[in-house]
Amino acid sequence: MKKQAILFLVLLTLLGLAGCESRTDRSEGGVVLSVSDFDGLPVQAAVNAQAGAPLQLGQVTIQNIPKDAGAAVSDLMNVEMRSYEIVYTRTDSGTRTPGTLVGSIFGVAPVNGTVDYDNLVILPGDQFNNPPLSDLLFINGGTDTETGFQTIRLNFQIRFFGRTLTGDEVVTAPSRFDVAFVP
């Protein structure tokens, strides 16, 4: 009985270790992409004042970090940036959200360096004419029909995708921020 208990604990430990996944050990390539800075992050947006204009992020910085800091690096570890994705979720009691945004981007994040994106669209202007944000338009009553509130709180989860010059796909860990939408 004691041997079975020890065997069970060893097996459980091995299964636990096998289930652990480290972003730097399991991802392709010799580099990790990281969102290192946000500037001009909107915390509130007035739907009626947007007038169909996109909501933008002032500047975002993507950093290209070698996985092994002591190893030699080469230009083949540079990352060609390709796209970004934003998934929206509600942080209030509502359930309706804008659809996922996938946008194309260009640029190179050099190994041990950064690439900046200015005025990155984080919510297309046409989304202000679609539920749930269109509920906040004055012509529609200025109130979320689902919750009855005059504020819609959305969480933005953003990831950036690229590929090293050797063809390894890399992606940032998700970065999150909230925006409150008001009439």
Foldseek 3Di string as FASTA:
>chain_A
DVVVVVVVVVVVVVVVVVPDDDQCPPADDQKAKAFDDFDQDAAEDELQVCQLAFDWTAKIKIAIEGSDNPDDDDQLSKWWWFKKKKDKAFPDPDGDDDHIDIGTDGDIRGYRGMDMDGGHGQGGSCCCCPPPNVCCHVVNPRARPRPRHQKTKMKIWMKTWTAGNVGGIYMYHTDIDMHIYGD
